[in-house]
Amino acid sequence: MIFSRDRILTTHVGSLPRPDALSEMMAEGTTNPMIFGKAVREAVADVVRRQVDCGVDIVDDGEQSKPGFISYIDARLAGMEPRRDDPPQLDSREKRSFPEFYAHGHSGTRPPPRLCTGPVLYTGQRQLQVDIENLKAAIQGLAVTDVFMPAVSPGQIFRYHVNRYYKSDEEFLVDIGEAMREEYKAIIDAGFIVQIDDPHLAMHYMLEPHMDIEDVRRWANHYVEILNHTLRDLPAERIRHHTCYGINMGPRVDDIEFKHLIDIVLKIRAKFYSFEAANPRHEHEWKLWEDFKLPPGKAIIPGVISHCTVLVEHPELVAERIQRFAKIVGRENVIAGADCGFASTPRAVPEVHPTIVWAKFQSLAEGARLASRALWN
């Protein structure tokens, strides 16, 4: 049971910069599994060591083996295939608000690139086992408090695929959950925390401009019921849920306010809740925790550094952000995290340069030390 017992622990969301050579292999689709496997093993070992060197307590593999936090599942689920048509960019509230800025699209308006054409089944056992073995090898001899491994949520997969097989979308979503449950359970059985990556939950309002707040709340409540069914019987103390508003360094004026989701998020069958709290659209929302009670035995992982800016947050600001939450929900129930991942896909020009990511992590750790000194004195 991981709590901040005598100091504020630190973690992050998942994806971290990949070596250039590995990113190039992913972009080119290398066909040599031995060369690719060696590159991934080395990248995982390096990225874990970097996290520890920066002072991160709860580490992961940086998703080094994955071409994307969603698209990695293409090689692990049967019943899916690429689309052959060329659909237009999707509509969104952000696109309507800033059409010139979003003229070339962004992650939220990309149409689903794949179709479901048969029963959804999990076939990624081999790839998952390799990821688990790489991460276990990487943490050997290093002082880590705990280890997590991200896995994409059923809802995110649902949004990424168009149903052409199931009688209803709900049946499709439930079967995705049943397939992914195998991955979630295997990660837990390996001794790791599983993180359910679920931006879909917070982004739904922005992506569905025809829905109002109450529509989205009804949808979210039902979605969480299905997600909880997927997570049934899995140990909640080894589950953390992450939601956010996507990798979008844009205006973000159409993000749903967290006050409309917080009570629904707290229904999710998990011990840890990770959410955006550092960027200028959401930093003020720390006050919400004065009105919404954190259930006993739960912990929050607020973002105290952000993926939405290349500015490196000052450690004193990080400490202030941590202390705001700690004074409301209790210092032991706060783990300092990030708003989102820093490399959800391998890009030629990343939004946040790797050198800046590591500087942010150092600031995260120093801010946690400053906060701990204040909170335990």
Protein backbone atom coordinates (compact mmCIF):
# COMPACT_ATOMS: atom_id res chain seq x y z
CA MET A 1 0.00 0.00 0.00
CA ILE A 2 1.89 3.04 -1.26
CA PHE A 3 1.26 6.24 0.67
CA SER A 4 3.43 9.28 1.29
CA ARG A 5 4.12 8.11 4.86
CA ASP A 6 7.09 10.28 5.81
CA ARG A 7 7.60 12.38 2.68
CA ILE A 8 5.82 13.25 -0.56
CA LEU A 9 6.46 10.55 -3.14
CA THR A 10 6.91 11.37 -6.82
CA THR A 11 5.84 9.70 -10.05
CA HIS A 12 4.68 10.70 -13.52
CA VAL A 13 2.14 9.59 -16.13
CA GLY A 14 3.94 7.16 -18.40
CA SER A 15 5.42 8.00 -21.78
CA LEU A 16 8.96 9.41 -21.85
CA PRO A 17 11.33 10.40 -24.68
CA ARG A 18 12.77 7.57 -26.76
CA PRO A 19 16.29 7.48 -28.19
CA ASP A 20 16.41 8.88 -31.72
CA ALA A 21 17.48 5.53 -33.17
CA LEU A 22 14.52 3.75 -31.57
CA SER A 23 12.07 6.41 -32.77
CA GLU A 24 13.45 6.02 -36.29
CA MET A 25 12.97 2.26 -36.14
CA MET A 26 9.35 2.75 -35.12
CA ALA A 27 8.76 5.31 -37.86
CA GLU A 28 10.36 3.10 -40.50
CA GLY A 29 8.75 -0.11 -39.24
CA THR A 30 11.97 -2.10 -38.79
CA THR A 31 11.57 -5.79 -39.62
CA ASN A 32 14.53 -7.10 -37.61
CA PRO A 33 13.10 -8.17 -34.23
CA MET A 34 16.53 -8.83 -32.69
CA ILE A 35 17.82 -5.33 -33.43
CA PHE A 36 14.56 -3.73 -32.32
CA GLY A 37 14.36 -5.86 -29.17
CA LYS A 38 17.92 -4.92 -28.17
CA ALA A 39 17.20 -1.22 -28.76
CA VAL A 40 14.08 -1.40 -26.59
CA ARG A 41 15.85 -3.21 -23.75
CA GLU A 42 18.62 -0.63 -23.72
CA ALA A 43 16.11 2.23 -23.89
CA VAL A 44 14.08 0.85 -20.97
CA ALA A 45 17.20 0.40 -18.83
CA ASP A 46 18.31 3.95 -19.61
CA VAL A 47 14.94 5.60 -19.06
CA VAL A 48 14.42 3.86 -15.71
CA ARG A 49 17.88 4.90 -14.54
CA ARG A 50 17.19 8.50 -15.62
CA GLN A 51 13.98 8.56 -13.59
CA VAL A 52 15.81 7.32 -10.50
CA ASP A 53 18.66 9.79 -11.04
CA CYS A 54 16.11 12.62 -11.23
CA GLY A 55 14.54 11.54 -7.92
CA VAL A 56 11.35 9.87 -9.18
CA ASP A 57 10.11 7.28 -6.67
CA ILE A 58 7.47 5.34 -8.62
CA VAL A 59 8.86 4.59 -12.09
CA ASP A 60 7.81 2.91 -15.33
CA ASP A 61 9.37 1.81 -18.62
CA GLY A 62 8.60 5.12 -20.34
CA GLU A 63 6.53 3.13 -22.88
CA GLN A 64 9.73 2.69 -24.86
CA SER A 65 8.43 -0.33 -26.79
CA LYS A 66 5.19 1.33 -27.85
CA PRO A 67 4.66 3.33 -31.05
CA GLY A 68 1.86 5.15 -29.25
CA PHE A 69 -0.05 4.88 -26.01
CA ILE A 70 -3.11 3.78 -28.00
CA SER A 71 -1.70 2.38 -31.23
CA TYR A 72 0.49 -0.18 -29.48
CA ILE A 73 -2.68 -2.19 -28.98
CA ASP A 74 -2.98 -2.73 -32.75
CA ALA A 75 -0.51 -5.62 -32.39
CA ARG A 76 -2.28 -7.04 -29.34
CA LEU A 77 -5.95 -7.26 -30.27
CA ALA A 78 -7.58 -9.53 -32.83
CA GLY A 79 -10.68 -8.36 -34.66
CA MET A 80 -9.27 -5.00 -35.82
CA GLU A 81 -7.95 -3.79 -39.16
CA PRO A 82 -6.88 -0.47 -40.74
CA ARG A 83 -9.43 1.73 -42.50
CA ARG A 84 -9.11 1.94 -46.26
CA ASP A 85 -11.03 5.17 -46.71
CA ASP A 86 -9.78 8.71 -46.08
CA PRO A 87 -12.25 10.27 -43.62
CA PRO A 88 -12.12 14.01 -42.89
CA GLN A 89 -10.89 15.52 -39.63
CA LEU A 90 -13.43 15.30 -36.82
CA ASP A 91 -15.26 18.23 -35.34
CA SER A 92 -14.52 19.46 -31.83
CA ARG A 93 -15.30 22.41 -29.60
CA GLU A 94 -11.67 23.53 -29.76
CA LYS A 95 -11.67 23.39 -33.55
CA ARG A 96 -14.80 25.54 -33.64
CA SER A 97 -13.31 28.06 -31.22
CA PHE A 98 -9.94 28.39 -32.97
CA PRO A 99 -10.35 27.19 -36.57
CA GLU A 100 -7.19 28.92 -37.83
CA PHE A 101 -5.01 27.38 -35.11
CA TYR A 102 -6.46 23.90 -35.67
CA ALA A 103 -6.56 24.11 -39.47
CA HIS A 104 -4.13 21.20 -39.73
CA GLY A 105 -5.82 19.16 -37.05
CA HIS A 106 -4.58 17.92 -33.70
CA SER A 107 -4.75 14.69 -31.75
CA GLY A 108 -8.35 15.24 -30.69
CA THR A 109 -9.73 15.66 -34.21
CA ARG A 110 -7.97 12.76 -35.89
CA PRO A 111 -10.60 10.31 -37.20
CA PRO A 112 -10.48 6.73 -35.92
CA PRO A 113 -7.86 4.98 -38.10
CA ARG A 114 -9.07 1.41 -37.58
CA LEU A 115 -12.18 -0.75 -37.85
CA CYS A 116 -13.50 -3.58 -35.73
CA THR A 117 -14.47 -6.35 -38.14
CA GLY A 118 -14.55 -9.39 -35.85
CA PRO A 119 -14.67 -10.48 -32.21
CA VAL A 120 -12.18 -8.58 -30.04
CA LEU A 121 -9.68 -10.94 -28.41
CA TYR A 122 -6.40 -10.30 -26.62
CA THR A 123 -3.42 -11.78 -28.49
CA GLY A 124 -0.60 -9.67 -27.06
CA GLN A 125 0.66 -12.06 -24.40
CA ARG A 126 4.14 -12.34 -25.92
CA GLN A 127 4.65 -8.60 -26.40
CA LEU A 128 3.38 -7.88 -22.90
CA GLN A 129 5.68 -10.47 -21.34
CA VAL A 130 8.67 -8.91 -23.10
CA ASP A 131 7.69 -5.50 -21.69
CA ILE A 132 7.37 -6.98 -18.21
CA GLU A 133 10.74 -8.73 -18.43
CA ASN A 134 12.46 -5.59 -19.72
CA LEU A 135 11.08 -3.51 -16.86
CA LYS A 136 11.97 -6.11 -14.21
CA ALA A 137 15.52 -6.23 -15.53
CA ALA A 138 15.79 -2.44 -15.61
CA ILE A 139 14.88 -1.94 -11.94
CA GLN A 140 17.40 -4.49 -10.66
CA GLY A 141 19.80 -2.83 -8.22
CA LEU A 142 17.96 0.52 -8.27
CA ALA A 143 16.22 2.12 -5.31
CA VAL A 144 12.60 2.47 -6.42
CA THR A 145 9.56 2.75 -4.16
CA ASP A 146 7.23 1.05 -6.64
CA VAL A 147 6.77 0.38 -10.34
CA PHE A 148 3.82 1.00 -12.65
CA MET A 149 3.04 0.08 -16.23
CA PRO A 150 0.51 2.03 -18.35
CA ALA A 151 -2.17 0.22 -20.34
CA VAL A 152 -4.74 1.89 -22.56
CA SER A 153 -8.35 2.06 -21.35
CA PRO A 154 -11.30 0.35 -23.05
CA GLY A 155 -12.82 3.76 -23.75
CA GLN A 156 -9.74 5.03 -25.54
CA ILE A 157 -9.64 1.94 -27.75
CA PHE A 158 -13.35 2.35 -28.45
CA ARG A 159 -12.78 5.91 -29.68
CA TYR A 160 -9.86 4.77 -31.82
CA HIS A 161 -11.91 2.15 -33.68
CA VAL A 162 -15.16 2.13 -35.65
CA ASN A 163 -17.52 -0.75 -34.85
CA ARG A 164 -18.39 -2.80 -37.94
CA TYR A 165 -19.03 -6.11 -36.21
CA TYR A 166 -20.99 -5.86 -32.95
CA LYS A 167 -24.74 -5.32 -32.78
CA SER A 168 -24.28 -2.36 -30.44
CA ASP A 169 -21.47 -0.03 -29.43
CA GLU A 170 -22.00 -1.03 -25.80
CA GLU A 171 -21.38 -4.68 -26.64
CA PHE A 172 -18.25 -3.60 -28.51
CA LEU A 173 -17.00 -1.59 -25.50
CA VAL A 174 -17.68 -4.42 -23.05
CA ASP A 175 -15.74 -6.91 -25.19
CA ILE A 176 -12.81 -4.49 -25.48
CA GLY A 177 -12.79 -4.34 -21.69
CA GLU A 178 -12.85 -8.12 -21.38
CA ALA A 179 -9.90 -8.41 -23.77
CA MET A 180 -7.87 -5.68 -22.04
CA ARG A 181 -8.61 -7.17 -18.64
CA GLU A 182 -6.07 -9.86 -19.53
CA GLU A 183 -3.36 -7.20 -19.94
CA TYR A 184 -4.33 -5.40 -16.73
CA LYS A 185 -4.28 -8.62 -14.73
CA ALA A 186 -0.91 -9.73 -16.14
CA ILE A 187 0.69 -6.41 -15.18
CA ILE A 188 -0.63 -6.73 -11.62
CA ASP A 189 0.41 -10.39 -11.42
CA ALA A 190 3.93 -9.31 -12.42
CA GLY A 191 4.07 -7.21 -9.23
CA PHE A 192 3.49 -3.82 -10.87
CA ILE A 193 0.78 -1.20 -10.52
CA VAL A 194 -1.35 -1.00 -13.66
CA GLN A 195 -2.21 2.51 -14.84
CA ILE A 196 -5.39 2.77 -16.89
CA ASP A 197 -4.70 5.49 -19.47
CA ASP A 198 -8.07 7.14 -20.02
CA PRO A 199 -7.90 10.64 -21.60
CA HIS A 200 -11.15 9.70 -23.36
CA LEU A 201 -13.05 10.32 -20.12
CA ALA A 202 -12.03 13.97 -19.73
CA MET A 203 -11.84 14.77 -23.45
CA HIS A 204 -15.33 13.56 -24.36
CA TYR A 205 -16.98 16.95 -23.85
CA MET A 206 -14.48 18.73 -26.11
CA LEU A 207 -14.74 16.02 -28.78
CA GLU A 208 -18.54 15.85 -28.81
CA PRO A 209 -19.77 19.42 -29.40
CA HIS A 210 -23.38 18.26 -29.73
CA MET A 211 -23.41 17.11 -26.09
CA ASP A 212 -23.97 19.45 -23.14
CA ILE A 213 -22.55 18.97 -19.64
CA GLU A 214 -25.43 16.82 -18.42
CA ASP A 215 -25.23 14.63 -21.52
CA VAL A 216 -21.54 14.08 -20.87
CA ARG A 217 -22.12 13.30 -17.19
CA ARG A 218 -24.72 10.66 -18.10
CA TRP A 219 -22.34 9.18 -20.64
CA ALA A 220 -19.41 9.26 -18.15
CA ASN A 221 -21.40 7.57 -15.39
CA HIS A 222 -22.36 4.75 -17.72
CA TYR A 223 -18.83 4.44 -19.07
CA VAL A 224 -17.43 4.16 -15.53
CA GLU A 225 -19.90 1.36 -14.79
CA ILE A 226 -18.49 -0.57 -17.75
CA LEU A 227 -14.89 0.26 -16.77
CA ASN A 228 -15.54 -0.98 -13.23
CA HIS A 229 -16.96 -4.19 -14.67
CA THR A 230 -13.68 -4.61 -16.57
CA LEU A 231 -11.69 -4.05 -13.34
CA ARG A 232 -13.85 -6.33 -11.19
CA ASP A 233 -11.98 -8.59 -8.77
CA LEU A 234 -8.63 -7.00 -9.64
CA PRO A 235 -6.93 -5.58 -6.52
CA ALA A 236 -7.80 -1.88 -6.42
CA GLU A 237 -4.64 -1.12 -4.45
CA ARG A 238 -2.62 -2.05 -7.56
CA ILE A 239 -4.69 0.10 -9.95
CA ARG A 240 -4.27 3.76 -10.77
CA HIS A 241 -6.48 5.68 -13.16
CA HIS A 242 -5.24 8.54 -15.30
CA THR A 243 -7.37 11.00 -17.20
CA CYS A 244 -6.36 14.24 -18.89
CA TYR A 245 -7.16 16.49 -21.83
CA GLY A 246 -4.64 15.09 -24.30
CA ILE A 247 -1.35 16.13 -25.82
CA ASN A 248 -2.61 19.48 -27.03
CA MET A 249 -0.42 22.55 -26.64
CA GLY A 250 -3.35 24.70 -27.70
CA PRO A 251 -5.79 27.21 -26.19
CA ARG A 252 -7.73 24.50 -24.33
CA VAL A 253 -10.67 26.80 -23.55
CA ASP A 254 -13.10 23.95 -24.21
CA ASP A 255 -11.75 21.49 -21.67
CA ILE A 256 -14.57 20.37 -19.38
CA GLU A 257 -14.07 21.70 -15.86
CA PHE A 258 -13.01 18.98 -13.47
CA LYS A 259 -15.85 19.91 -11.12
CA HIS A 260 -18.19 18.18 -13.60
CA LEU A 261 -16.21 14.92 -13.49
CA ILE A 262 -14.56 14.61 -10.09
CA ASP A 263 -17.44 12.74 -8.40
CA ILE A 264 -17.62 10.31 -11.33
CA VAL A 265 -13.85 9.74 -11.37
CA LEU A 266 -13.95 8.87 -7.67
CA LYS A 267 -16.34 6.00 -8.46
CA ILE A 268 -13.66 4.25 -10.51
CA ARG A 269 -12.40 1.05 -8.93
CA ALA A 270 -8.83 2.23 -8.32
CA LYS A 271 -6.67 3.31 -5.41
CA PHE A 272 -4.87 6.19 -7.16
CA TYR A 273 -6.33 8.99 -9.29
CA SER A 274 -4.04 10.91 -11.66
CA PHE A 275 -5.31 14.14 -13.24
CA GLU A 276 -4.19 17.47 -14.71
CA ALA A 277 -3.57 20.21 -12.14
CA ALA A 278 -0.52 22.18 -13.27
CA ASN A 279 -1.46 23.87 -16.54
CA PRO A 280 -3.17 27.29 -16.53
CA ARG A 281 -6.58 25.87 -17.50
CA HIS A 282 -6.78 23.61 -14.45
CA GLU A 283 -4.40 24.76 -11.72
CA HIS A 284 -7.18 26.61 -9.87
CA GLU A 285 -9.18 23.39 -9.52
CA TRP A 286 -7.25 22.25 -6.42
CA LYS A 287 -10.00 24.00 -4.47
CA LEU A 288 -12.50 21.35 -5.60
CA TRP A 289 -11.09 18.90 -3.08
CA GLU A 290 -12.52 21.07 -0.30
CA ASP A 291 -16.01 20.07 -1.47
CA PHE A 292 -15.41 16.51 -2.72
CA LYS A 293 -14.25 14.09 -0.06
CA LEU A 294 -11.47 11.69 -0.98
CA PRO A 295 -12.68 8.20 0.02
CA PRO A 296 -10.66 6.44 2.75
CA GLY A 297 -7.75 4.36 1.49
CA LYS A 298 -7.45 6.38 -1.73
CA ALA A 299 -4.67 8.68 -2.93
CA ILE A 300 -4.45 11.40 -5.57
CA ILE A 301 -1.69 12.03 -8.10
CA PRO A 302 -2.19 15.65 -9.17
CA GLY A 303 -0.05 17.00 -11.96
CA VAL A 304 2.39 19.50 -10.46
CA ILE A 305 4.47 19.75 -13.65
CA SER A 306 2.89 20.05 -17.09
CA HIS A 307 3.40 18.67 -20.57
CA CYS A 308 1.66 21.76 -21.98
CA THR A 309 4.60 24.12 -21.61
CA VAL A 310 8.34 23.99 -22.18
CA LEU A 311 8.83 26.22 -19.15
CA VAL A 312 10.52 24.29 -16.34
CA GLU A 313 8.43 24.80 -13.23
CA HIS A 314 10.33 26.31 -10.29
CA PRO A 315 10.71 23.84 -7.39
CA GLU A 316 9.10 26.33 -4.99
CA LEU A 317 6.02 26.51 -7.21
CA VAL A 318 5.92 22.70 -7.37
CA ALA A 319 6.12 22.63 -3.55
CA GLU A 320 3.28 25.14 -3.26
CA ARG A 321 1.09 23.06 -5.57
CA ILE A 322 1.76 19.90 -3.56
CA GLN A 323 1.02 21.61 -0.24
CA ARG A 324 -2.34 22.93 -1.46
CA PHE A 325 -3.57 19.39 -2.02
CA ALA A 326 -1.88 17.96 1.07
CA LYS A 327 -3.55 20.46 3.38
CA ILE A 328 -6.97 19.43 2.08
CA VAL A 329 -6.79 15.65 1.58
CA GLY A 330 -3.90 14.86 3.93
CA ARG A 331 -0.19 14.75 3.16
CA GLU A 332 -0.09 10.93 3.14
CA ASN A 333 -2.73 10.85 0.38
CA VAL A 334 -0.78 12.93 -2.16
CA ILE A 335 1.75 11.64 -4.67
CA ALA A 336 3.29 14.34 -6.86
CA GLY A 337 2.90 13.66 -10.57
CA ALA A 338 2.68 15.19 -14.03
CA ASP A 339 -0.29 16.36 -16.07
CA CYS A 340 0.28 13.86 -18.89
CA GLY A 341 2.96 11.88 -20.68
CA PHE A 342 5.81 13.60 -22.50
CA ALA A 343 6.18 11.34 -25.55
CA SER A 344 2.93 9.55 -26.31
CA THR A 345 4.20 8.91 -29.86
CA PRO A 346 7.70 9.03 -31.37
CA ARG A 347 7.91 12.39 -33.12
CA ALA A 348 10.63 13.96 -35.24
CA VAL A 349 10.19 17.18 -33.26
CA PRO A 350 8.72 16.47 -29.79
CA GLU A 351 6.53 19.08 -28.13
CA VAL A 352 8.81 19.05 -25.09
CA HIS A 353 12.49 18.36 -25.78
CA PRO A 354 13.97 15.45 -23.79
CA THR A 355 16.45 17.70 -21.99
CA ILE A 356 13.53 19.79 -20.76
CA VAL A 357 11.60 16.70 -19.62
CA TRP A 358 14.46 15.64 -17.36
CA ALA A 359 14.83 19.18 -16.02
CA LYS A 360 11.11 19.13 -15.18
CA PHE A 361 11.55 15.82 -13.34
CA GLN A 362 14.42 17.27 -11.30
CA SER A 363 12.19 20.20 -10.40
CA LEU A 364 9.40 17.76 -9.49
CA ALA A 365 11.69 15.89 -7.09
CA GLU A 366 13.13 19.05 -5.55
CA GLY A 367 9.66 20.52 -5.14
CA ALA A 368 8.54 17.33 -3.38
CA ARG A 369 11.51 17.60 -1.02
CA LEU A 370 10.63 21.20 -0.21
CA ALA A 371 6.99 20.30 0.36
CA SER A 372 7.96 17.36 2.57
CA ARG A 373 10.18 19.59 4.69
CA ALA A 374 7.26 21.97 5.24
CA LEU A 375 4.59 19.31 5.74
CA TRP A 376 6.53 17.12 8.19
CA ASN A 377 7.95 19.95 10.33
